[in-house]
N, C-alpha and C. Protein backbone atom coordinates (compact mmCIF):
# COMPACT_ATOMS: atom_id res chain seq x y z
N UNK A 1 53.51 -88.19 30.35
CA UNK A 1 52.59 -89.28 30.34
C UNK A 1 51.85 -89.13 29.07
N UNK A 2 51.44 -90.29 28.42
CA UNK A 2 50.74 -90.31 27.18
C UNK A 2 49.14 -90.08 27.48
N UNK A 3 48.49 -89.48 26.55
CA UNK A 3 47.02 -89.28 26.77
C UNK A 3 46.25 -90.55 27.02
N UNK A 4 46.64 -91.61 26.39
CA UNK A 4 45.91 -92.86 26.61
C UNK A 4 46.16 -93.40 28.04
N UNK A 5 47.39 -93.16 28.58
CA UNK A 5 47.62 -93.58 29.89
C UNK A 5 46.78 -92.74 30.85
N UNK A 6 46.68 -91.37 30.57
CA UNK A 6 45.90 -90.47 31.45
C UNK A 6 44.45 -90.99 31.46
N UNK A 7 43.91 -91.30 30.38
CA UNK A 7 42.50 -91.77 30.32
C UNK A 7 42.40 -93.02 31.10
N UNK A 8 43.28 -93.97 30.98
CA UNK A 8 43.19 -95.23 31.70
C UNK A 8 43.23 -94.96 33.19
N UNK A 9 44.12 -94.12 33.60
CA UNK A 9 44.22 -93.70 35.05
C UNK A 9 42.98 -93.15 35.60
N UNK A 10 42.33 -92.22 34.86
CA UNK A 10 41.12 -91.60 35.32
C UNK A 10 39.91 -92.52 35.30
N UNK A 11 39.88 -93.45 34.31
CA UNK A 11 38.76 -94.44 34.27
C UNK A 11 38.83 -95.37 35.38
N UNK A 12 39.99 -95.67 35.91
CA UNK A 12 40.14 -96.61 37.02
C UNK A 12 39.96 -95.93 38.35
N UNK A 13 39.97 -94.64 38.37
CA UNK A 13 39.83 -93.91 39.66
C UNK A 13 38.39 -93.94 40.06
N UNK A 14 38.05 -94.50 41.23
CA UNK A 14 36.63 -94.54 41.65
C UNK A 14 35.99 -93.20 41.87
N UNK A 15 36.70 -92.20 42.15
CA UNK A 15 36.13 -90.86 42.39
C UNK A 15 35.73 -90.29 41.04
N UNK A 16 36.47 -90.53 40.07
CA UNK A 16 36.01 -89.97 38.66
C UNK A 16 34.77 -90.74 38.17
N UNK A 17 34.70 -92.06 38.36
CA UNK A 17 33.53 -92.74 37.99
C UNK A 17 32.26 -92.31 38.72
N UNK A 18 32.44 -92.17 40.01
CA UNK A 18 31.27 -91.71 40.78
C UNK A 18 30.91 -90.25 40.39
N UNK A 19 31.88 -89.38 40.20
CA UNK A 19 31.55 -88.06 39.69
C UNK A 19 30.75 -88.10 38.37
N UNK A 20 31.25 -88.98 37.42
CA UNK A 20 30.55 -89.02 36.14
C UNK A 20 29.16 -89.51 36.33
N UNK A 21 28.93 -90.56 37.17
CA UNK A 21 27.61 -91.02 37.40
C UNK A 21 26.72 -90.01 38.16
N UNK A 22 27.36 -89.24 39.10
CA UNK A 22 26.54 -88.30 39.84
C UNK A 22 26.00 -87.16 38.93
N UNK A 23 26.81 -86.75 37.94
CA UNK A 23 26.38 -85.62 37.13
C UNK A 23 25.87 -86.20 35.73
N UNK A 24 26.26 -87.29 35.27
CA UNK A 24 25.91 -87.82 33.97
C UNK A 24 24.52 -88.25 34.05
N UNK A 25 24.01 -88.97 35.07
CA UNK A 25 22.65 -89.49 35.04
C UNK A 25 21.68 -88.38 35.09
N UNK A 26 21.77 -87.31 35.96
CA UNK A 26 20.82 -86.20 35.94
C UNK A 26 20.77 -85.45 34.57
N UNK A 27 21.97 -85.32 34.01
CA UNK A 27 22.05 -84.60 32.66
C UNK A 27 21.28 -85.47 31.63
N UNK A 28 21.47 -86.75 31.66
CA UNK A 28 20.73 -87.60 30.72
C UNK A 28 19.31 -87.64 30.95
N UNK A 29 18.82 -87.62 32.12
CA UNK A 29 17.40 -87.52 32.45
C UNK A 29 16.75 -86.18 31.97
N UNK A 30 17.48 -85.06 32.19
CA UNK A 30 16.96 -83.77 31.80
C UNK A 30 16.90 -83.70 30.25
N UNK A 31 18.00 -84.27 29.60
CA UNK A 31 18.01 -84.18 28.15
C UNK A 31 16.96 -85.06 27.59
N UNK A 32 16.64 -86.24 28.17
CA UNK A 32 15.52 -87.08 27.77
C UNK A 32 14.21 -86.36 27.89
N UNK A 33 14.04 -85.71 29.07
CA UNK A 33 12.73 -84.97 29.24
C UNK A 33 12.53 -83.75 28.25
N UNK A 34 13.57 -83.09 28.00
CA UNK A 34 13.49 -81.97 27.06
C UNK A 34 13.23 -82.55 25.64
N UNK A 35 13.86 -83.67 25.29
CA UNK A 35 13.63 -84.28 23.95
C UNK A 35 12.14 -84.70 23.94
N UNK A 36 11.60 -85.32 24.95
CA UNK A 36 10.21 -85.79 24.93
C UNK A 36 9.21 -84.56 24.82
N UNK A 37 9.53 -83.49 25.53
CA UNK A 37 8.64 -82.31 25.47
C UNK A 37 8.66 -81.73 23.97
N UNK A 38 9.84 -81.64 23.35
CA UNK A 38 9.84 -81.15 21.97
C UNK A 38 9.10 -82.05 21.12
N UNK A 39 9.31 -83.41 21.18
CA UNK A 39 8.63 -84.36 20.36
C UNK A 39 7.13 -84.30 20.57
N UNK A 40 6.62 -84.26 21.74
CA UNK A 40 5.15 -84.23 22.07
C UNK A 40 4.58 -82.85 21.60
N UNK A 41 5.29 -81.80 21.78
CA UNK A 41 4.70 -80.44 21.37
C UNK A 41 4.65 -80.34 19.79
N UNK A 42 5.58 -80.88 19.11
CA UNK A 42 5.57 -80.79 17.62
C UNK A 42 4.61 -81.73 17.01
N UNK A 43 4.25 -82.83 17.70
CA UNK A 43 3.27 -83.82 17.13
C UNK A 43 1.90 -83.26 16.81
N UNK A 44 1.36 -82.38 17.73
CA UNK A 44 0.09 -81.80 17.55
C UNK A 44 0.04 -80.75 16.55
N UNK A 45 1.17 -80.13 16.16
CA UNK A 45 1.14 -79.00 15.21
C UNK A 45 1.48 -79.50 13.78
N UNK A 46 1.96 -80.72 13.63
CA UNK A 46 2.30 -81.20 12.31
C UNK A 46 1.01 -81.69 11.53
N UNK A 47 0.40 -80.84 10.99
CA UNK A 47 -0.92 -81.16 10.30
C UNK A 47 -0.68 -81.30 8.79
N UNK A 48 -1.32 -82.36 8.28
CA UNK A 48 -1.20 -82.69 6.90
C UNK A 48 -2.52 -82.33 6.16
N UNK A 49 -2.38 -81.96 4.96
CA UNK A 49 -3.64 -81.70 4.09
C UNK A 49 -3.41 -82.22 2.76
N UNK A 50 -4.46 -82.63 2.12
CA UNK A 50 -4.45 -83.07 0.70
C UNK A 50 -4.72 -81.94 -0.20
N UNK A 51 -4.25 -82.07 -1.44
CA UNK A 51 -4.57 -81.08 -2.48
C UNK A 51 -5.90 -81.59 -3.10
N UNK A 52 -6.57 -80.79 -3.77
CA UNK A 52 -7.87 -81.14 -4.42
C UNK A 52 -7.68 -82.37 -5.29
N UNK A 53 -6.55 -82.38 -6.06
CA UNK A 53 -6.27 -83.48 -7.05
C UNK A 53 -6.08 -84.76 -6.23
N UNK A 54 -5.36 -84.71 -5.10
CA UNK A 54 -5.13 -85.95 -4.27
C UNK A 54 -6.50 -86.50 -3.78
N UNK A 55 -7.32 -85.57 -3.32
CA UNK A 55 -8.71 -85.98 -2.89
C UNK A 55 -9.50 -86.61 -4.00
N UNK A 56 -9.40 -86.09 -5.16
CA UNK A 56 -10.13 -86.62 -6.31
C UNK A 56 -9.64 -88.04 -6.66
N UNK A 57 -8.32 -88.20 -6.63
CA UNK A 57 -7.72 -89.49 -7.05
C UNK A 57 -7.90 -90.55 -5.97
N UNK A 58 -7.84 -90.15 -4.74
CA UNK A 58 -7.84 -91.10 -3.55
C UNK A 58 -8.97 -90.69 -2.60
N UNK A 59 -10.18 -91.02 -3.00
CA UNK A 59 -11.39 -90.60 -2.19
C UNK A 59 -11.21 -91.14 -0.79
N UNK A 60 -11.44 -90.21 0.20
CA UNK A 60 -11.29 -90.49 1.62
C UNK A 60 -12.70 -90.68 2.22
N UNK A 61 -12.82 -91.61 3.16
CA UNK A 61 -14.14 -91.83 3.76
C UNK A 61 -14.32 -91.01 5.03
N UNK A 62 -13.27 -90.60 5.77
CA UNK A 62 -13.32 -89.87 6.99
C UNK A 62 -13.05 -88.43 6.73
N UNK A 63 -12.80 -87.74 7.90
CA UNK A 63 -12.57 -86.29 7.83
C UNK A 63 -11.12 -86.07 7.25
N UNK A 64 -11.00 -85.05 6.39
CA UNK A 64 -9.70 -84.77 5.78
C UNK A 64 -9.64 -83.24 5.68
N UNK A 65 -8.36 -82.80 5.52
CA UNK A 65 -8.07 -81.34 5.20
C UNK A 65 -7.72 -81.24 3.77
N UNK A 66 -8.32 -80.28 3.14
CA UNK A 66 -7.97 -80.08 1.64
C UNK A 66 -7.61 -78.56 1.42
N UNK A 67 -6.55 -78.43 0.70
CA UNK A 67 -6.03 -77.07 0.38
C UNK A 67 -6.32 -76.76 -1.09
N UNK A 68 -6.61 -75.52 -1.31
CA UNK A 68 -6.86 -75.08 -2.76
C UNK A 68 -7.11 -73.57 -2.83
N UNK A 69 -7.30 -73.15 -3.94
CA UNK A 69 -7.59 -71.63 -4.21
C UNK A 69 -9.09 -71.47 -4.36
N UNK A 70 -9.60 -70.51 -3.67
CA UNK A 70 -11.08 -70.12 -3.87
C UNK A 70 -11.24 -69.54 -5.27
N UNK A 71 -12.26 -70.01 -6.00
CA UNK A 71 -12.57 -69.49 -7.32
C UNK A 71 -13.60 -68.39 -7.26
N UNK A 72 -13.99 -67.81 -8.33
CA UNK A 72 -14.86 -66.63 -8.39
C UNK A 72 -16.33 -66.84 -8.09
N UNK A 73 -16.66 -68.19 -7.87
CA UNK A 73 -18.11 -68.48 -7.73
C UNK A 73 -18.61 -68.53 -6.31
N UNK A 74 -18.17 -67.62 -5.54
CA UNK A 74 -18.55 -67.56 -4.07
C UNK A 74 -20.01 -67.09 -3.94
N UNK A 75 -20.79 -67.88 -3.23
CA UNK A 75 -22.20 -67.54 -2.99
C UNK A 75 -22.40 -67.52 -1.49
N UNK A 76 -22.91 -66.40 -0.96
CA UNK A 76 -23.08 -66.26 0.44
C UNK A 76 -24.67 -66.18 0.69
N UNK A 77 -25.09 -66.95 1.76
CA UNK A 77 -26.55 -66.87 2.12
C UNK A 77 -26.62 -66.85 3.65
N UNK A 78 -27.82 -66.75 4.20
CA UNK A 78 -27.98 -66.75 5.69
C UNK A 78 -27.15 -65.70 6.40
N UNK A 79 -27.12 -64.54 5.83
CA UNK A 79 -26.44 -63.44 6.41
C UNK A 79 -24.95 -63.51 6.27
N UNK A 80 -24.44 -64.30 5.31
CA UNK A 80 -23.02 -64.48 5.12
C UNK A 80 -22.44 -65.67 5.89
N UNK A 81 -23.25 -66.32 6.62
CA UNK A 81 -22.79 -67.47 7.54
C UNK A 81 -22.77 -68.80 6.68
N UNK A 82 -23.42 -68.91 5.63
CA UNK A 82 -23.45 -70.07 4.76
C UNK A 82 -22.81 -69.72 3.49
N UNK A 83 -21.79 -70.39 3.02
CA UNK A 83 -21.07 -70.03 1.81
C UNK A 83 -20.86 -71.35 1.07
N UNK A 84 -20.98 -71.13 -0.32
CA UNK A 84 -20.61 -72.29 -1.21
C UNK A 84 -19.64 -71.63 -2.21
N UNK A 85 -18.58 -72.44 -2.60
CA UNK A 85 -17.58 -71.93 -3.55
C UNK A 85 -16.95 -73.16 -4.09
N UNK A 86 -16.12 -72.94 -5.12
CA UNK A 86 -15.29 -73.97 -5.72
C UNK A 86 -13.84 -73.79 -5.26
N UNK A 87 -13.28 -74.85 -4.79
CA UNK A 87 -11.77 -74.84 -4.42
C UNK A 87 -11.02 -75.64 -5.55
N UNK A 88 -9.97 -75.01 -5.95
CA UNK A 88 -9.26 -75.60 -7.06
C UNK A 88 -7.73 -75.59 -6.89
N UNK A 89 -7.07 -76.56 -7.46
CA UNK A 89 -5.66 -76.62 -7.47
C UNK A 89 -5.22 -76.64 -8.99
N UNK A 90 -4.06 -77.07 -9.32
CA UNK A 90 -3.61 -76.92 -10.71
C UNK A 90 -4.38 -77.76 -11.71
N UNK A 91 -4.94 -78.93 -11.18
CA UNK A 91 -5.61 -79.75 -12.17
C UNK A 91 -6.99 -80.29 -11.78
N UNK A 92 -7.49 -79.86 -10.65
CA UNK A 92 -8.79 -80.42 -10.22
C UNK A 92 -9.56 -79.30 -9.40
N UNK A 93 -10.87 -79.49 -9.42
CA UNK A 93 -11.75 -78.60 -8.51
C UNK A 93 -12.80 -79.30 -7.78
N UNK A 94 -13.25 -78.79 -6.75
CA UNK A 94 -14.24 -79.36 -5.99
C UNK A 94 -15.18 -78.36 -5.35
N UNK A 95 -16.48 -78.60 -5.41
CA UNK A 95 -17.38 -77.64 -4.74
C UNK A 95 -17.33 -77.86 -3.21
N UNK A 96 -17.35 -76.66 -2.52
CA UNK A 96 -17.31 -76.74 -1.07
C UNK A 96 -18.56 -76.01 -0.49
N UNK A 97 -19.03 -76.58 0.63
CA UNK A 97 -20.08 -75.91 1.31
C UNK A 97 -19.66 -75.74 2.79
N UNK A 98 -19.88 -74.58 3.28
CA UNK A 98 -19.34 -74.28 4.73
C UNK A 98 -20.43 -73.38 5.42
N UNK A 99 -20.66 -73.70 6.66
CA UNK A 99 -21.48 -72.78 7.47
C UNK A 99 -20.70 -72.40 8.64
N UNK A 100 -20.52 -71.09 8.90
CA UNK A 100 -19.81 -70.56 10.07
C UNK A 100 -19.20 -69.22 9.68
N UNK A 101 -18.49 -68.67 10.65
CA UNK A 101 -17.83 -67.39 10.48
C UNK A 101 -16.65 -67.53 9.47
N UNK A 102 -16.57 -66.58 8.54
CA UNK A 102 -15.55 -66.72 7.62
C UNK A 102 -14.33 -65.78 8.02
N UNK A 103 -13.16 -66.16 7.64
CA UNK A 103 -11.95 -65.27 8.00
C UNK A 103 -12.11 -63.90 7.24
N UNK A 104 -11.52 -62.89 7.77
CA UNK A 104 -11.64 -61.61 7.13
C UNK A 104 -11.01 -61.55 5.73
N UNK A 105 -9.96 -62.31 5.53
CA UNK A 105 -9.34 -62.33 4.22
C UNK A 105 -9.90 -63.25 3.16
N UNK A 106 -11.02 -63.93 3.60
CA UNK A 106 -11.66 -64.80 2.60
C UNK A 106 -12.22 -64.04 1.45
N UNK A 107 -11.78 -64.44 0.20
CA UNK A 107 -12.14 -63.90 -1.05
C UNK A 107 -11.72 -64.77 -2.16
N UNK A 108 -12.22 -64.59 -3.38
CA UNK A 108 -11.65 -65.42 -4.49
C UNK A 108 -10.16 -65.14 -4.76
N UNK A 109 -9.40 -66.15 -5.01
CA UNK A 109 -7.96 -66.05 -5.20
C UNK A 109 -7.16 -66.38 -4.01
N UNK A 110 -7.73 -66.45 -2.81
CA UNK A 110 -7.00 -66.77 -1.58
C UNK A 110 -6.93 -68.29 -1.41
N UNK A 111 -5.82 -68.78 -0.85
CA UNK A 111 -5.67 -70.17 -0.55
C UNK A 111 -6.37 -70.48 0.72
N UNK A 112 -7.16 -71.54 0.80
CA UNK A 112 -7.81 -71.90 2.08
C UNK A 112 -7.62 -73.46 2.21
N UNK A 113 -7.63 -73.85 3.52
CA UNK A 113 -7.62 -75.25 3.93
C UNK A 113 -9.01 -75.52 4.59
N UNK A 114 -9.74 -76.41 4.11
CA UNK A 114 -11.04 -76.77 4.63
C UNK A 114 -10.88 -78.18 5.22
N UNK A 115 -11.60 -78.38 6.33
CA UNK A 115 -11.65 -79.66 7.00
C UNK A 115 -13.06 -80.17 7.09
N UNK A 116 -13.24 -81.39 6.60
CA UNK A 116 -14.60 -81.93 6.61
C UNK A 116 -14.61 -83.31 5.91
N UNK A 117 -15.67 -83.56 5.20
CA UNK A 117 -15.91 -84.80 4.52
C UNK A 117 -16.42 -84.62 3.09
N UNK A 118 -16.04 -85.44 2.23
CA UNK A 118 -16.54 -85.44 0.84
C UNK A 118 -17.85 -86.24 0.87
N UNK A 119 -18.87 -85.54 0.47
CA UNK A 119 -20.28 -86.23 0.51
C UNK A 119 -20.47 -87.04 -0.67
N UNK A 120 -21.51 -87.85 -0.62
CA UNK A 120 -21.86 -88.69 -1.76
C UNK A 120 -22.27 -87.95 -2.89
N UNK A 121 -22.79 -86.65 -2.64
CA UNK A 121 -23.15 -85.74 -3.77
C UNK A 121 -22.00 -85.12 -4.48
N UNK A 122 -20.74 -85.35 -4.06
CA UNK A 122 -19.56 -84.79 -4.72
C UNK A 122 -19.21 -83.42 -4.10
N UNK A 123 -19.95 -83.03 -3.12
CA UNK A 123 -19.67 -81.73 -2.48
C UNK A 123 -18.90 -81.96 -1.20
N UNK A 124 -17.85 -81.17 -1.00
CA UNK A 124 -17.04 -81.25 0.23
C UNK A 124 -17.74 -80.38 1.25
N UNK A 125 -18.20 -81.07 2.38
CA UNK A 125 -18.91 -80.41 3.45
C UNK A 125 -17.89 -80.09 4.59
N UNK A 126 -17.56 -78.82 4.65
CA UNK A 126 -16.47 -78.39 5.55
C UNK A 126 -17.05 -78.00 6.88
N UNK A 127 -16.37 -78.42 7.92
CA UNK A 127 -16.60 -78.01 9.33
C UNK A 127 -15.80 -76.86 9.71
N UNK A 128 -14.58 -76.80 9.19
CA UNK A 128 -13.70 -75.62 9.52
C UNK A 128 -13.09 -75.10 8.24
N UNK A 129 -12.83 -73.82 8.21
CA UNK A 129 -12.28 -73.08 7.01
C UNK A 129 -11.13 -72.20 7.54
N UNK A 130 -10.00 -72.44 7.06
CA UNK A 130 -8.81 -71.59 7.38
C UNK A 130 -8.29 -70.94 6.16
N UNK A 131 -8.05 -69.68 6.33
CA UNK A 131 -7.45 -68.94 5.13
C UNK A 131 -5.96 -68.87 5.41
N UNK A 132 -5.13 -69.20 4.41
CA UNK A 132 -3.71 -69.08 4.51
C UNK A 132 -3.31 -67.73 4.12
N UNK A 133 -2.56 -67.08 5.00
CA UNK A 133 -2.16 -65.74 4.73
C UNK A 133 -1.19 -65.67 3.59
N UNK A 134 -1.52 -64.68 2.65
CA UNK A 134 -0.60 -64.67 1.47
C UNK A 134 0.73 -64.13 1.82
N UNK A 135 1.72 -64.69 1.13
CA UNK A 135 3.11 -64.29 1.46
C UNK A 135 3.45 -63.03 0.52
N UNK A 136 4.14 -62.22 1.08
CA UNK A 136 4.58 -61.05 0.27
C UNK A 136 5.59 -61.41 -0.77
N UNK A 137 6.18 -62.64 -0.60
CA UNK A 137 7.19 -63.08 -1.51
C UNK A 137 6.65 -63.93 -2.62
N UNK A 138 5.43 -64.42 -2.52
CA UNK A 138 4.82 -65.26 -3.50
C UNK A 138 4.27 -64.37 -4.68
N UNK A 139 4.45 -64.67 -5.84
CA UNK A 139 3.87 -64.01 -7.00
C UNK A 139 2.54 -64.46 -7.35
N UNK A 140 2.25 -65.81 -7.07
CA UNK A 140 0.93 -66.34 -7.36
C UNK A 140 0.46 -67.15 -6.16
N UNK A 141 -0.88 -67.33 -6.00
CA UNK A 141 -1.41 -68.13 -4.89
C UNK A 141 -1.11 -69.61 -5.16
N UNK A 142 -1.30 -70.40 -4.13
CA UNK A 142 -1.07 -71.78 -4.19
C UNK A 142 -1.85 -72.50 -5.25
N UNK A 143 -1.23 -73.21 -6.16
CA UNK A 143 -2.01 -73.88 -7.25
C UNK A 143 -1.59 -75.28 -7.48
N UNK A 144 -0.72 -75.86 -6.76
CA UNK A 144 -0.27 -77.22 -7.04
C UNK A 144 -0.56 -78.11 -5.92
């Protein structure tokens, strides 16, 4: 018997159709649930940040994340809880002001991502500061 004839025979058999529906529907529901869980879990972790140059060229009115390299002008006051520094990328720099606990690896030359608002005074007022761990494979810090 030819394969096409076998397929037609099984497609017209009510037992095969019922079996396909009996197992196909639950498999489709489980696959849809797993797909939704993956989609919803990855949505919260996909975070975007601007470079300093992008922030300078497209001023944002709300909260944004900005990535850049900490320069050598770090000034700590208030027992080390208040810090001001310049964050720079390849072509632009911005002064940053942050109050809070600093990561242990915070120092000049490290890449940081700050979240906050750009003030009318031109200073980025950060609410959170995250230090990006340096890669042992990178020869230079983030600069672009």
